[in-house]
Amino acid sequence: MKDDEDVKICLDKLLEAHVILEEDNEETFRLIRKHSKDIQKICNNDLSMALILNAHFAKIEKRPYHPEAFMGIKGFNETSDYVMFACVMAFVEENGPESPFILPDLTSYLKRTMPNNLDWTQYHIRKRLVRVLQQMIVLKIITILDGKFDDFDRNEERVALFNATNYSRYFLNMFSKSLQSLTDYTQLVPISETKNISMQVIQRLLLSVGICRTEETESLFRYMRNEQERLTKFFEVNSFYEFELSKNLGILVSENRRIGIRYIPDSSSSGDLLMLIGSKLRNRSFVPDEFGQLHLSLTQWQSIVSEVAQKNQELLSKTYREKSFESISKELLMQTVNDGLI
């Protein structure tokens, strides 16, 4: 039915995007508003995630049961990046939407409110603020009205004029408890929800690369084996993916490549190398553990990457050919960790 297909399209767009702004994607936004009740029902009953919809934007509030490395913000490598991001968000929310502000106003606010004293004469501190502001522009939280800020790391006298969007005040989460009273992030999830294995499985399959069998996930695998038919039907009806379950892996797959989706491995030089490395790992005499996983030392990883890169120079881009094997090995290791493959 057309309505079912429309709901599937809406869910797919909402899960892939951080936010769908009415001004940027009017057609999809209208479709979401039209089917909001059906989408909200799926979010509540199957995903344990909330649909937020108002006159300006639509988003699914993704608060995963199981956070993973790749769910962080690309380019943010330190805890301090996220702390500054949250403080800038608080500043923007206090100002309110459509309230222009200049860069010196923000730096003064951060100096007063950041947990550690800020020294704006330090290059790495100014560079951090540049990263944060760039990310907020990407997320459509703020726009730049005048001036430049991306060289603030080199020129601390730089002045720029920004404006907060209507979306900005909906970005920060509200919690029922003081975060300072918590000892672990899992305390943010209500106890009743943590016991709902169905929601945990569906959410992790949609938000992660897949679910690997480990001691911690044995209960999820028992559920997937017992409810394989129901899960297959759920993803067939509500997504563009198919559910596959083996002894050690539960995963969603797609036979057709779709526009706007990042695939692992992708078509870059690193993606080509990862395909060849995967083949090499399967053909080597490594003995998997009881969960089908391989355990490699850093030296073994570096040796395999170097061997594959050396034998397949013609597949590599000029940039990759000019890198050392040690550098390629380190880069691929970071990429596979961030992608949830290692």
C-alpha atoms as a PDB file:
ATOM      1  CA  MET A   1       0.000   0.000   0.000  1.00  0.00           C
ATOM      2  CA  LYS A   2       1.138   3.556  -0.726  1.00  0.00           C
ATOM      3  CA  ASP A   3       0.726   4.723   2.887  1.00  0.00           C
ATOM      4  CA  ASP A   4       2.954   1.876   4.129  1.00  0.00           C
ATOM      5  CA  GLU A   5       5.612   2.801   1.588  1.00  0.00           C
ATOM      6  CA  ASP A   6       5.398   6.478   2.604  1.00  0.00           C
ATOM      7  CA  VAL A   7       5.876   5.597   6.288  1.00  0.00           C
ATOM      8  CA  LYS A   8       8.894   3.482   5.335  1.00  0.00           C
ATOM      9  CA  ILE A   9      10.389   6.419   3.399  1.00  0.00           C
ATOM     10  CA  CYS A  10       9.785   8.792   6.316  1.00  0.00           C
ATOM     11  CA  LEU A  11      11.347   6.449   8.880  1.00  0.00           C
ATOM     12  CA  ASP A  12      14.362   5.917   6.650  1.00  0.00           C
ATOM     13  CA  LYS A  13      14.929   9.664   6.216  1.00  0.00           C
ATOM     14  CA  LEU A  14      14.474  10.369   9.930  1.00  0.00           C
ATOM     15  CA  LEU A  15      16.869   7.614  11.001  1.00  0.00           C
ATOM     16  CA  GLU A  16      19.567   8.646   8.529  1.00  0.00           C
ATOM     17  CA  ALA A  17      19.375  12.409   9.159  1.00  0.00           C
ATOM     18  CA  HIS A  18      19.976  14.235  12.405  1.00  0.00           C
ATOM     19  CA  VAL A  19      17.136  16.603  11.595  1.00  0.00           C
ATOM     20  CA  ILE A  20      14.847  17.335   8.649  1.00  0.00           C
ATOM     21  CA  LEU A  21      14.198  21.056   8.323  1.00  0.00           C
ATOM     22  CA  GLU A  22      11.026  22.178   6.574  1.00  0.00           C
ATOM     23  CA  GLU A  23      12.895  24.916   4.683  1.00  0.00           C
ATOM     24  CA  ASP A  24      15.447  22.436   3.298  1.00  0.00           C
ATOM     25  CA  ASN A  25      13.238  19.466   2.452  1.00  0.00           C
ATOM     26  CA  GLU A  26       9.633  20.574   2.152  1.00  0.00           C
ATOM     27  CA  GLU A  27       8.366  17.424   0.407  1.00  0.00           C
ATOM     28  CA  THR A  28       9.752  14.978   2.981  1.00  0.00           C
ATOM     29  CA  PHE A  29       8.667  17.252   5.835  1.00  0.00           C
ATOM     30  CA  ARG A  30       5.077  17.307   4.517  1.00  0.00           C
ATOM     31  CA  LEU A  31       5.102  13.520   4.195  1.00  0.00           C
ATOM     32  CA  ILE A  32       6.291  13.130   7.798  1.00  0.00           C
ATOM     33  CA  ARG A  33       3.550  15.445   9.073  1.00  0.00           C
ATOM     34  CA  LYS A  34       0.957  13.497   7.119  1.00  0.00           C
ATOM     35  CA  HIS A  35       2.033  10.152   8.625  1.00  0.00           C
ATOM     36  CA  SER A  36       3.215  11.415  12.007  1.00  0.00           C
ATOM     37  CA  LYS A  37       0.813   9.216  14.031  1.00  0.00           C
ATOM     38  CA  ASP A  38       2.015   6.017  12.355  1.00  0.00           C
ATOM     39  CA  ILE A  39       5.660   7.063  12.710  1.00  0.00           C
ATOM     40  CA  GLN A  40       5.198   7.989  16.368  1.00  0.00           C
ATOM     41  CA  LYS A  41       3.558   4.617  17.036  1.00  0.00           C
ATOM     42  CA  ILE A  42       6.571   2.755  15.620  1.00  0.00           C
ATOM     43  CA  CYS A  43       8.975   5.014  17.531  1.00  0.00           C
ATOM     44  CA  ASN A  44       7.165   4.388  20.814  1.00  0.00           C
ATOM     45  CA  ASN A  45       6.360   0.681  20.431  1.00  0.00           C
ATOM     46  CA  ASP A  46       9.426  -0.630  18.608  1.00  0.00           C
ATOM     47  CA  LEU A  47      12.326   1.832  18.766  1.00  0.00           C
ATOM     48  CA  SER A  48      12.070   3.425  22.215  1.00  0.00           C
ATOM     49  CA  MET A  49      12.809   6.763  20.548  1.00  0.00           C
ATOM     50  CA  ALA A  50      10.704   9.912  20.396  1.00  0.00           C
ATOM     51  CA  LEU A  51       9.520  11.701  17.256  1.00  0.00           C
ATOM     52  CA  ILE A  52       9.828  15.475  17.654  1.00  0.00           C
ATOM     53  CA  LEU A  53       7.725  17.436  15.190  1.00  0.00           C
ATOM     54  CA  ASN A  54       6.850  21.120  15.051  1.00  0.00           C
ATOM     55  CA  ALA A  55       6.224  23.776  12.412  1.00  0.00           C
ATOM     56  CA  HIS A  56       9.895  24.026  11.448  1.00  0.00           C
ATOM     57  CA  PHE A  57      11.502  20.600  11.645  1.00  0.00           C
ATOM     58  CA  ALA A  58      11.150  16.878  12.335  1.00  0.00           C
ATOM     59  CA  LYS A  59      13.614  14.562  14.054  1.00  0.00           C
ATOM     60  CA  ILE A  60      13.826  11.272  15.881  1.00  0.00           C
ATOM     61  CA  GLU A  61      15.554  11.719  19.228  1.00  0.00           C
ATOM     62  CA  LYS A  62      18.176   8.979  19.110  1.00  0.00           C
ATOM     63  CA  ARG A  63      19.331   8.027  22.601  1.00  0.00           C
ATOM     64  CA  PRO A  64      20.825   4.544  22.097  1.00  0.00           C
ATOM     65  CA  TYR A  65      20.824   1.762  24.662  1.00  0.00           C
ATOM     66  CA  HIS A  66      24.330   0.886  23.526  1.00  0.00           C
ATOM     67  CA  PRO A  67      26.533   3.858  22.554  1.00  0.00           C
ATOM     68  CA  GLU A  68      29.443   3.025  20.244  1.00  0.00           C
ATOM     69  CA  ALA A  69      32.583   4.851  19.133  1.00  0.00           C
ATOM     70  CA  PHE A  70      31.278   5.759  15.677  1.00  0.00           C
ATOM     71  CA  MET A  71      28.250   7.525  17.161  1.00  0.00           C
ATOM     72  CA  GLY A  72      30.405  10.467  18.214  1.00  0.00           C
ATOM     73  CA  ILE A  73      30.824  13.683  16.223  1.00  0.00           C
ATOM     74  CA  LYS A  74      33.353  13.390  13.424  1.00  0.00           C
ATOM     75  CA  GLY A  75      36.340  15.605  14.188  1.00  0.00           C
ATOM     76  CA  PHE A  76      35.720  15.608  17.950  1.00  0.00           C
ATOM     77  CA  ASN A  77      38.541  13.578  19.479  1.00  0.00           C
ATOM     78  CA  GLU A  78      38.633  14.758  23.079  1.00  0.00           C
ATOM     79  CA  THR A  79      36.135  15.011  25.922  1.00  0.00           C
ATOM     80  CA  SER A  80      36.844  18.749  26.011  1.00  0.00           C
ATOM     81  CA  ASP A  81      35.423  19.090  22.485  1.00  0.00           C
ATOM     82  CA  TYR A  82      32.049  17.802  23.707  1.00  0.00           C
ATOM     83  CA  VAL A  83      32.170  19.901  26.885  1.00  0.00           C
ATOM     84  CA  MET A  84      32.716  23.080  24.866  1.00  0.00           C
ATOM     85  CA  PHE A  85      30.021  22.000  22.378  1.00  0.00           C
ATOM     86  CA  ALA A  86      27.494  21.605  25.223  1.00  0.00           C
ATOM     87  CA  CYS A  87      28.436  24.982  26.723  1.00  0.00           C
ATOM     88  CA  VAL A  88      28.080  26.758  23.358  1.00  0.00           C
ATOM     89  CA  MET A  89      24.703  25.032  22.938  1.00  0.00           C
ATOM     90  CA  ALA A  90      23.619  26.362  26.353  1.00  0.00           C
ATOM     91  CA  PHE A  91      24.668  29.873  25.312  1.00  0.00           C
ATOM     92  CA  VAL A  92      22.683  29.645  22.064  1.00  0.00           C
ATOM     93  CA  GLU A  93      19.618  28.258  23.860  1.00  0.00           C
ATOM     94  CA  GLU A  94      19.715  31.028  26.478  1.00  0.00           C
ATOM     95  CA  ASN A  95      19.868  33.664  23.739  1.00  0.00           C
ATOM     96  CA  GLY A  96      16.934  32.101  21.923  1.00  0.00           C
ATOM     97  CA  PRO A  97      16.259  31.684  18.192  1.00  0.00           C
ATOM     98  CA  GLU A  98      16.735  34.550  15.748  1.00  0.00           C
ATOM     99  CA  SER A  99      18.994  36.304  18.270  1.00  0.00           C
ATOM    100  CA  PRO A 100      22.236  37.420  16.585  1.00  0.00           C
ATOM    101  CA  PHE A 101      25.437  37.264  18.611  1.00  0.00           C
ATOM    102  CA  ILE A 102      29.055  38.092  17.953  1.00  0.00           C
ATOM    103  CA  LEU A 103      32.073  35.898  18.566  1.00  0.00           C
ATOM    104  CA  PRO A 104      33.448  37.978  21.506  1.00  0.00           C
ATOM    105  CA  ASP A 105      30.096  37.557  23.335  1.00  0.00           C
ATOM    106  CA  LEU A 106      30.470  33.798  23.041  1.00  0.00           C
ATOM    107  CA  THR A 107      34.118  33.662  24.104  1.00  0.00           C
ATOM    108  CA  SER A 108      33.319  35.792  27.184  1.00  0.00           C
ATOM    109  CA  TYR A 109      30.443  33.465  28.111  1.00  0.00           C
ATOM    110  CA  LEU A 110      32.629  30.372  27.731  1.00  0.00           C
ATOM    111  CA  LYS A 111      35.369  31.883  29.883  1.00  0.00           C
ATOM    112  CA  ARG A 112      32.766  32.350  32.674  1.00  0.00           C
ATOM    113  CA  THR A 113      31.003  28.993  32.383  1.00  0.00           C
ATOM    114  CA  MET A 114      33.440  26.315  31.154  1.00  0.00           C
ATOM    115  CA  PRO A 115      34.499  23.869  33.912  1.00  0.00           C
ATOM    116  CA  ASN A 116      38.171  24.720  33.371  1.00  0.00           C
ATOM    117  CA  ASN A 117      39.540  28.234  32.976  1.00  0.00           C
ATOM    118  CA  LEU A 118      39.973  29.065  29.310  1.00  0.00           C
ATOM    119  CA  ASP A 119      43.044  30.799  27.998  1.00  0.00           C
ATOM    120  CA  TRP A 120      42.094  32.166  24.566  1.00  0.00           C
ATOM    121  CA  THR A 121      45.736  32.921  23.824  1.00  0.00           C
ATOM    122  CA  GLN A 122      46.308  29.168  23.439  1.00  0.00           C
ATOM    123  CA  TYR A 123      46.056  27.962  19.851  1.00  0.00           C
ATOM    124  CA  HIS A 124      44.490  24.559  20.643  1.00  0.00           C
ATOM    125  CA  ILE A 125      41.678  26.215  22.651  1.00  0.00           C
ATOM    126  CA  ARG A 126      40.820  28.571  19.787  1.00  0.00           C
ATOM    127  CA  LYS A 127      41.047  25.652  17.345  1.00  0.00           C
ATOM    128  CA  ARG A 128      38.563  23.712  19.491  1.00  0.00           C
ATOM    129  CA  LEU A 129      36.028  26.547  19.287  1.00  0.00           C
ATOM    130  CA  VAL A 130      36.430  26.638  15.489  1.00  0.00           C
ATOM    131  CA  ARG A 131      35.644  22.890  15.334  1.00  0.00           C
ATOM    132  CA  VAL A 132      32.591  23.352  17.549  1.00  0.00           C
ATOM    133  CA  LEU A 133      31.187  26.284  15.534  1.00  0.00           C
ATOM    134  CA  GLN A 134      31.778  24.469  12.246  1.00  0.00           C
ATOM    135  CA  GLN A 135      29.845  21.464  13.563  1.00  0.00           C
ATOM    136  CA  MET A 136      26.969  23.658  14.760  1.00  0.00           C
ATOM    137  CA  ILE A 137      26.679  25.186  11.293  1.00  0.00           C
ATOM    138  CA  VAL A 138      26.637  21.700   9.729  1.00  0.00           C
ATOM    139  CA  LEU A 139      23.849  20.707  12.145  1.00  0.00           C
ATOM    140  CA  LYS A 140      21.893  23.876  11.204  1.00  0.00           C
ATOM    141  CA  ILE A 141      21.922  25.072  14.825  1.00  0.00           C
ATOM    142  CA  ILE A 142      23.459  28.422  13.883  1.00  0.00           C
ATOM    143  CA  THR A 143      24.110  30.342  10.683  1.00  0.00           C
ATOM    144  CA  ILE A 144      26.834  32.916  10.007  1.00  0.00           C
ATOM    145  CA  LEU A 145      25.532  36.347   9.050  1.00  0.00           C
ATOM    146  CA  ASP A 146      28.744  38.305   8.585  1.00  0.00           C
ATOM    147  CA  GLY A 147      32.505  38.016   8.947  1.00  0.00           C
ATOM    148  CA  LYS A 148      34.746  34.971   9.228  1.00  0.00           C
ATOM    149  CA  PHE A 149      35.538  32.684  12.145  1.00  0.00           C
ATOM    150  CA  ASP A 150      37.379  29.700  10.646  1.00  0.00           C
ATOM    151  CA  ASP A 151      40.748  31.392  11.127  1.00  0.00           C
ATOM    152  CA  PHE A 152      40.017  32.346  14.759  1.00  0.00           C
ATOM    153  CA  ASP A 153      42.651  29.779  15.745  1.00  0.00           C
ATOM    154  CA  ARG A 154      45.268  31.968  14.061  1.00  0.00           C
ATOM    155  CA  ASN A 155      43.721  35.352  14.856  1.00  0.00           C
ATOM    156  CA  GLU A 156      42.127  35.754  18.286  1.00  0.00           C
ATOM    157  CA  GLU A 157      40.912  39.255  17.383  1.00  0.00           C
ATOM    158  CA  ARG A 158      38.563  37.822  14.737  1.00  0.00           C
ATOM    159  CA  VAL A 159      34.939  39.033  14.935  1.00  0.00           C
ATOM    160  CA  ALA A 160      31.995  37.271  13.290  1.00  0.00           C
ATOM    161  CA  LEU A 161      28.207  37.640  13.549  1.00  0.00           C
ATOM    162  CA  PHE A 162      26.057  34.521  14.035  1.00  0.00           C
ATOM    163  CA  ASN A 163      22.351  33.786  14.284  1.00  0.00           C
ATOM    164  CA  ALA A 164      20.629  30.939  16.143  1.00  0.00           C
ATOM    165  CA  THR A 165      18.009  29.031  14.131  1.00  0.00           C
ATOM    166  CA  ASN A 166      14.539  27.971  15.306  1.00  0.00           C
ATOM    167  CA  TYR A 167      15.936  24.477  15.684  1.00  0.00           C
ATOM    168  CA  SER A 168      18.646  25.517  18.172  1.00  0.00           C
ATOM    169  CA  ARG A 169      16.509  25.417  21.332  1.00  0.00           C
ATOM    170  CA  TYR A 170      15.423  21.809  20.660  1.00  0.00           C
ATOM    171  CA  PHE A 171      18.916  20.350  20.470  1.00  0.00           C
ATOM    172  CA  LEU A 172      19.869  19.947  24.137  1.00  0.00           C
ATOM    173  CA  ASN A 173      18.193  17.100  26.014  1.00  0.00           C
ATOM    174  CA  MET A 174      16.226  17.541  29.219  1.00  0.00           C
ATOM    175  CA  PHE A 175      16.814  14.888  31.888  1.00  0.00           C
ATOM    176  CA  SER A 176      14.686  14.026  34.897  1.00  0.00           C
ATOM    177  CA  LYS A 177      17.793  13.630  37.074  1.00  0.00           C
ATOM    178  CA  SER A 178      20.841  15.791  37.643  1.00  0.00           C
ATOM    179  CA  LEU A 179      23.653  14.361  35.525  1.00  0.00           C
ATOM    180  CA  GLN A 180      26.083  15.037  38.368  1.00  0.00           C
ATOM    181  CA  SER A 181      24.178  12.531  40.516  1.00  0.00           C
ATOM    182  CA  LEU A 182      24.751   9.682  38.021  1.00  0.00           C
ATOM    183  CA  THR A 183      27.688   7.288  38.046  1.00  0.00           C
ATOM    184  CA  ASP A 184      27.058   5.641  34.662  1.00  0.00           C
ATOM    185  CA  TYR A 185      25.357   6.611  31.382  1.00  0.00           C
ATOM    186  CA  THR A 186      23.041   3.570  31.589  1.00  0.00           C
ATOM    187  CA  GLN A 187      21.235   5.301  34.459  1.00  0.00           C
ATOM    188  CA  LEU A 188      19.759   7.677  31.873  1.00  0.00           C
ATOM    189  CA  VAL A 189      17.647   4.809  30.490  1.00  0.00           C
ATOM    190  CA  PRO A 190      14.543   3.948  32.551  1.00  0.00           C
ATOM    191  CA  ILE A 191      14.742   0.463  34.109  1.00  0.00           C
ATOM    192  CA  SER A 192      11.509  -0.619  32.384  1.00  0.00           C
ATOM    193  CA  GLU A 193      13.056   0.129  29.002  1.00  0.00           C
ATOM    194  CA  THR A 194      16.293  -1.777  29.633  1.00  0.00           C
ATOM    195  CA  LYS A 195      14.249  -4.926  30.127  1.00  0.00           C
ATOM    196  CA  ASN A 196      12.598  -4.633  26.707  1.00  0.00           C
ATOM    197  CA  ILE A 197      14.871  -6.852  24.621  1.00  0.00           C
ATOM    198  CA  SER A 198      12.796  -6.349  21.459  1.00  0.00           C
ATOM    199  CA  MET A 199      13.435  -2.585  21.491  1.00  0.00           C
ATOM    200  CA  GLN A 200      17.121  -3.092  22.233  1.00  0.00           C
ATOM    201  CA  VAL A 201      17.561  -5.466  19.294  1.00  0.00           C
ATOM    202  CA  ILE A 202      15.655  -3.356  16.757  1.00  0.00           C
ATOM    203  CA  GLN A 203      17.389  -0.166  17.864  1.00  0.00           C
ATOM    204  CA  ARG A 204      20.890  -1.660  17.718  1.00  0.00           C
ATOM    205  CA  LEU A 205      20.282  -3.210  14.304  1.00  0.00           C
ATOM    206  CA  LEU A 206      19.129   0.154  12.925  1.00  0.00           C
ATOM    207  CA  LEU A 207      21.783   2.343  14.571  1.00  0.00           C
ATOM    208  CA  SER A 208      24.829   0.045  14.549  1.00  0.00           C
ATOM    209  CA  VAL A 209      26.786  -1.917  11.965  1.00  0.00           C
ATOM    210  CA  GLY A 210      25.351  -5.104  13.459  1.00  0.00           C
ATOM    211  CA  ILE A 211      25.147  -7.132  16.665  1.00  0.00           C
ATOM    212  CA  CYS A 212      28.085  -9.458  17.313  1.00  0.00           C
ATOM    213  CA  ARG A 213      27.614 -12.438  19.621  1.00  0.00           C
ATOM    214  CA  THR A 214      29.526 -12.013  22.877  1.00  0.00           C
ATOM    215  CA  GLU A 215      28.898 -12.987  26.481  1.00  0.00           C
ATOM    216  CA  GLU A 216      27.069  -9.667  26.922  1.00  0.00           C
ATOM    217  CA  THR A 217      24.800 -10.159  23.874  1.00  0.00           C
ATOM    218  CA  GLU A 218      23.837 -13.813  24.378  1.00  0.00           C
ATOM    219  CA  SER A 219      20.348 -12.791  25.573  1.00  0.00           C
ATOM    220  CA  LEU A 220      19.887 -10.663  22.434  1.00  0.00           C
ATOM    221  CA  PHE A 221      20.873 -13.614  20.246  1.00  0.00           C
ATOM    222  CA  ARG A 222      18.435 -15.921  22.009  1.00  0.00           C
ATOM    223  CA  TYR A 223      15.731 -13.367  21.308  1.00  0.00           C
ATOM    224  CA  MET A 224      16.757 -12.969  17.635  1.00  0.00           C
ATOM    225  CA  ARG A 225      16.769 -16.735  17.104  1.00  0.00           C
ATOM    226  CA  ASN A 226      13.348 -17.171  18.734  1.00  0.00           C
ATOM    227  CA  GLU A 227      11.820 -14.142  16.980  1.00  0.00           C
ATOM    228  CA  GLN A 228      13.641 -14.316  13.641  1.00  0.00           C
ATOM    229  CA  GLU A 229      10.430 -14.524  11.623  1.00  0.00           C
ATOM    230  CA  ARG A 230       8.891 -11.508  13.392  1.00  0.00           C
ATOM    231  CA  LEU A 231      12.073  -9.431  13.020  1.00  0.00           C
ATOM    232  CA  THR A 232      12.346 -10.334   9.325  1.00  0.00           C
ATOM    233  CA  LYS A 233       8.767  -9.159   8.796  1.00  0.00           C
ATOM    234  CA  PHE A 234       9.281  -5.962  10.822  1.00  0.00           C
ATOM    235  CA  PHE A 235      12.257  -4.793   8.756  1.00  0.00           C
ATOM    236  CA  GLU A 236      10.596  -5.864   5.521  1.00  0.00           C
ATOM    237  CA  VAL A 237       7.578  -3.653   6.321  1.00  0.00           C
ATOM    238  CA  ASN A 238       9.314  -0.690   7.968  1.00  0.00           C
ATOM    239  CA  SER A 239      12.729  -0.401   6.300  1.00  0.00           C
ATOM    240  CA  PHE A 240      14.632  -0.830   3.050  1.00  0.00           C
ATOM    241  CA  TYR A 241      16.841  -3.502   4.629  1.00  0.00           C
ATOM    242  CA  GLU A 242      16.681  -7.254   5.128  1.00  0.00           C
ATOM    243  CA  PHE A 243      17.410  -8.936   8.437  1.00  0.00           C
ATOM    244  CA  GLU A 244      20.048 -11.663   8.384  1.00  0.00           C
ATOM    245  CA  LEU A 245      21.047 -13.827  11.340  1.00  0.00           C
ATOM    246  CA  SER A 246      23.969 -16.236  11.565  1.00  0.00           C
ATOM    247  CA  LYS A 247      25.520 -18.004  14.525  1.00  0.00           C
ATOM    248  CA  ASN A 248      27.607 -14.998  15.551  1.00  0.00           C
ATOM    249  CA  LEU A 249      26.084 -11.992  13.819  1.00  0.00           C
ATOM    250  CA  GLY A 250      22.752 -10.211  13.455  1.00  0.00           C
ATOM    251  CA  ILE A 251      22.786  -7.572  10.727  1.00  0.00           C
ATOM    252  CA  LEU A 252      20.698  -5.541   8.291  1.00  0.00           C
ATOM    253  CA  VAL A 253      21.746  -5.758   4.640  1.00  0.00           C
ATOM    254  CA  SER A 254      20.680  -4.123   1.388  1.00  0.00           C
ATOM    255  CA  GLU A 255      21.117  -5.636  -2.056  1.00  0.00           C
ATOM    256  CA  ASN A 256      20.836  -2.251  -3.774  1.00  0.00           C
ATOM    257  CA  ARG A 257      23.176   0.687  -3.243  1.00  0.00           C
ATOM    258  CA  ARG A 258      21.195   3.759  -2.309  1.00  0.00           C
ATOM    259  CA  ILE A 259      22.064   7.417  -2.824  1.00  0.00           C
ATOM    260  CA  GLY A 260      23.154   9.293   0.295  1.00  0.00           C
ATOM    261  CA  ILE A 261      24.061   6.193   2.314  1.00  0.00           C
ATOM    262  CA  ARG A 262      27.651   5.562   3.365  1.00  0.00           C
ATOM    263  CA  TYR A 263      28.664   1.966   2.787  1.00  0.00           C
ATOM    264  CA  ILE A 264      31.314  -0.047   4.607  1.00  0.00           C
ATOM    265  CA  PRO A 265      33.660  -0.570   2.872  1.00  0.00           C
ATOM    266  CA  ASP A 266      33.111   2.359   0.496  1.00  0.00           C
ATOM    267  CA  SER A 267      34.607   2.885  -2.990  1.00  0.00           C
ATOM    268  CA  SER A 268      37.670   4.802  -1.773  1.00  0.00           C
ATOM    269  CA  SER A 269      41.249   3.498  -1.641  1.00  0.00           C
ATOM    270  CA  SER A 270      40.758   2.662   2.032  1.00  0.00           C
ATOM    271  CA  GLY A 271      37.603   0.736   1.129  1.00  0.00           C
ATOM    272  CA  ASP A 272      39.478  -1.266  -1.523  1.00  0.00           C
ATOM    273  CA  LEU A 273      42.220  -2.064   0.982  1.00  0.00           C
ATOM    274  CA  LEU A 274      39.712  -3.162   3.624  1.00  0.00           C
ATOM    275  CA  MET A 275      38.102  -5.594   1.163  1.00  0.00           C
ATOM    276  CA  LEU A 276      41.515  -7.104   0.409  1.00  0.00           C
ATOM    277  CA  ILE A 277      42.482  -7.178   4.091  1.00  0.00           C
ATOM    278  CA  GLY A 278      39.230  -8.981   4.891  1.00  0.00           C
ATOM    279  CA  SER A 279      40.021 -11.576   2.251  1.00  0.00           C
ATOM    280  CA  LYS A 280      43.546 -11.976   3.634  1.00  0.00           C
ATOM    281  CA  LEU A 281      42.230 -12.459   7.184  1.00  0.00           C
ATOM    282  CA  ARG A 282      39.816 -15.172   6.027  1.00  0.00           C
ATOM    283  CA  ASN A 283      42.540 -17.007   4.116  1.00  0.00           C
ATOM    284  CA  ARG A 284      45.107 -16.912   6.929  1.00  0.00           C
ATOM    285  CA  SER A 285      45.212 -19.620   9.566  1.00  0.00           C
ATOM    286  CA  PHE A 286      43.887 -17.436  12.383  1.00  0.00           C
ATOM    287  CA  VAL A 287      41.738 -19.393  14.828  1.00  0.00           C
ATOM    288  CA  PRO A 288      38.558 -17.542  15.843  1.00  0.00           C
ATOM    289  CA  ASP A 289      37.327 -17.600  19.425  1.00  0.00           C
ATOM    290  CA  GLU A 290      34.035 -19.179  20.497  1.00  0.00           C
ATOM    291  CA  PHE A 291      32.176 -16.110  19.187  1.00  0.00           C
ATOM    292  CA  GLY A 292      33.834 -16.198  15.765  1.00  0.00           C
ATOM    293  CA  GLN A 293      36.077 -13.202  16.420  1.00  0.00           C
ATOM    294  CA  LEU A 294      39.779 -12.944  15.578  1.00  0.00           C
ATOM    295  CA  HIS A 295      42.344 -11.591  18.008  1.00  0.00           C
ATOM    296  CA  LEU A 296      45.326  -9.841  16.397  1.00  0.00           C
ATOM    297  CA  SER A 297      48.319  -8.100  17.865  1.00  0.00           C
ATOM    298  CA  LEU A 298      49.129  -4.625  16.559  1.00  0.00           C
ATOM    299  CA  THR A 299      52.214  -6.078  14.860  1.00  0.00           C
ATOM    300  CA  GLN A 300      50.093  -8.682  13.019  1.00  0.00           C
ATOM    301  CA  TRP A 301      47.664  -5.973  11.870  1.00  0.00           C
ATOM    302  CA  GLN A 302      50.483  -3.755  10.603  1.00  0.00           C
ATOM    303  CA  SER A 303      52.084  -6.687   8.778  1.00  0.00           C
ATOM    304  CA  ILE A 304      48.860  -7.630   6.962  1.00  0.00           C
ATOM    305  CA  VAL A 305      48.060  -4.028   5.978  1.00  0.00           C
ATOM    306  CA  SER A 306      51.598  -3.434   4.721  1.00  0.00           C
ATOM    307  CA  GLU A 307      51.560  -6.646   2.679  1.00  0.00           C
ATOM    308  CA  VAL A 308      48.205  -5.835   1.071  1.00  0.00           C
ATOM    309  CA  ALA A 309      49.102  -2.196   0.356  1.00  0.00           C
ATOM    310  CA  GLN A 310      52.455  -3.145  -1.155  1.00  0.00           C
ATOM    311  CA  LYS A 311      50.959  -5.763  -3.501  1.00  0.00           C
ATOM    312  CA  ASN A 312      48.095  -3.517  -4.666  1.00  0.00           C
ATOM    313  CA  GLN A 313      49.751  -0.161  -5.307  1.00  0.00           C
ATOM    314  CA  GLU A 314      47.901   0.209  -8.622  1.00  0.00           C
ATOM    315  CA  LEU A 315      44.550   0.310  -6.793  1.00  0.00           C
ATOM    316  CA  LEU A 316      45.572   3.158  -4.539  1.00  0.00           C
ATOM    317  CA  SER A 317      45.043   6.854  -5.116  1.00  0.00           C
ATOM    318  CA  LYS A 318      48.109   9.095  -5.458  1.00  0.00           C
ATOM    319  CA  THR A 319      47.575  10.340  -1.883  1.00  0.00           C
ATOM    320  CA  TYR A 320      47.677   6.787  -0.533  1.00  0.00           C
ATOM    321  CA  ARG A 321      50.685   5.773  -2.652  1.00  0.00           C
ATOM    322  CA  GLU A 322      52.669   8.599  -1.087  1.00  0.00           C
ATOM    323  CA  LYS A 323      51.891   7.493   2.475  1.00  0.00           C
ATOM    324  CA  SER A 324      54.065   5.154   4.494  1.00  0.00           C
ATOM    325  CA  PHE A 325      52.718   1.679   5.229  1.00  0.00           C
ATOM    326  CA  GLU A 326      52.829   2.521   8.933  1.00  0.00           C
ATOM    327  CA  SER A 327      50.662   5.589   8.314  1.00  0.00           C
ATOM    328  CA  ILE A 328      48.165   3.589   6.210  1.00  0.00           C
ATOM    329  CA  SER A 329      47.999   0.907   8.904  1.00  0.00           C
ATOM    330  CA  LYS A 330      47.246   3.459  11.623  1.00  0.00           C
ATOM    331  CA  GLU A 331      44.623   5.245   9.497  1.00  0.00           C
ATOM    332  CA  LEU A 332      42.799   2.013   8.619  1.00  0.00           C
ATOM    333  CA  LEU A 333      42.857   0.881  12.240  1.00  0.00           C
ATOM    334  CA  MET A 334      41.209   4.136  13.376  1.00  0.00           C
ATOM    335  CA  GLN A 335      38.656   3.859  10.571  1.00  0.00           C
ATOM    336  CA  THR A 336      37.687   0.266  11.362  1.00  0.00           C
ATOM    337  CA  VAL A 337      37.395   1.003  15.084  1.00  0.00           C
ATOM    338  CA  ASN A 338      35.178   4.007  14.377  1.00  0.00           C
ATOM    339  CA  ASP A 339      33.070   1.922  11.976  1.00  0.00           C
ATOM    340  CA  GLY A 340      32.547  -0.801  14.561  1.00  0.00           C
ATOM    341  CA  LEU A 341      34.473  -3.458  12.612  1.00  0.00           C
ATOM    342  CA  ILE A 342      37.290  -3.777  15.147  1.00  0.00           C
END
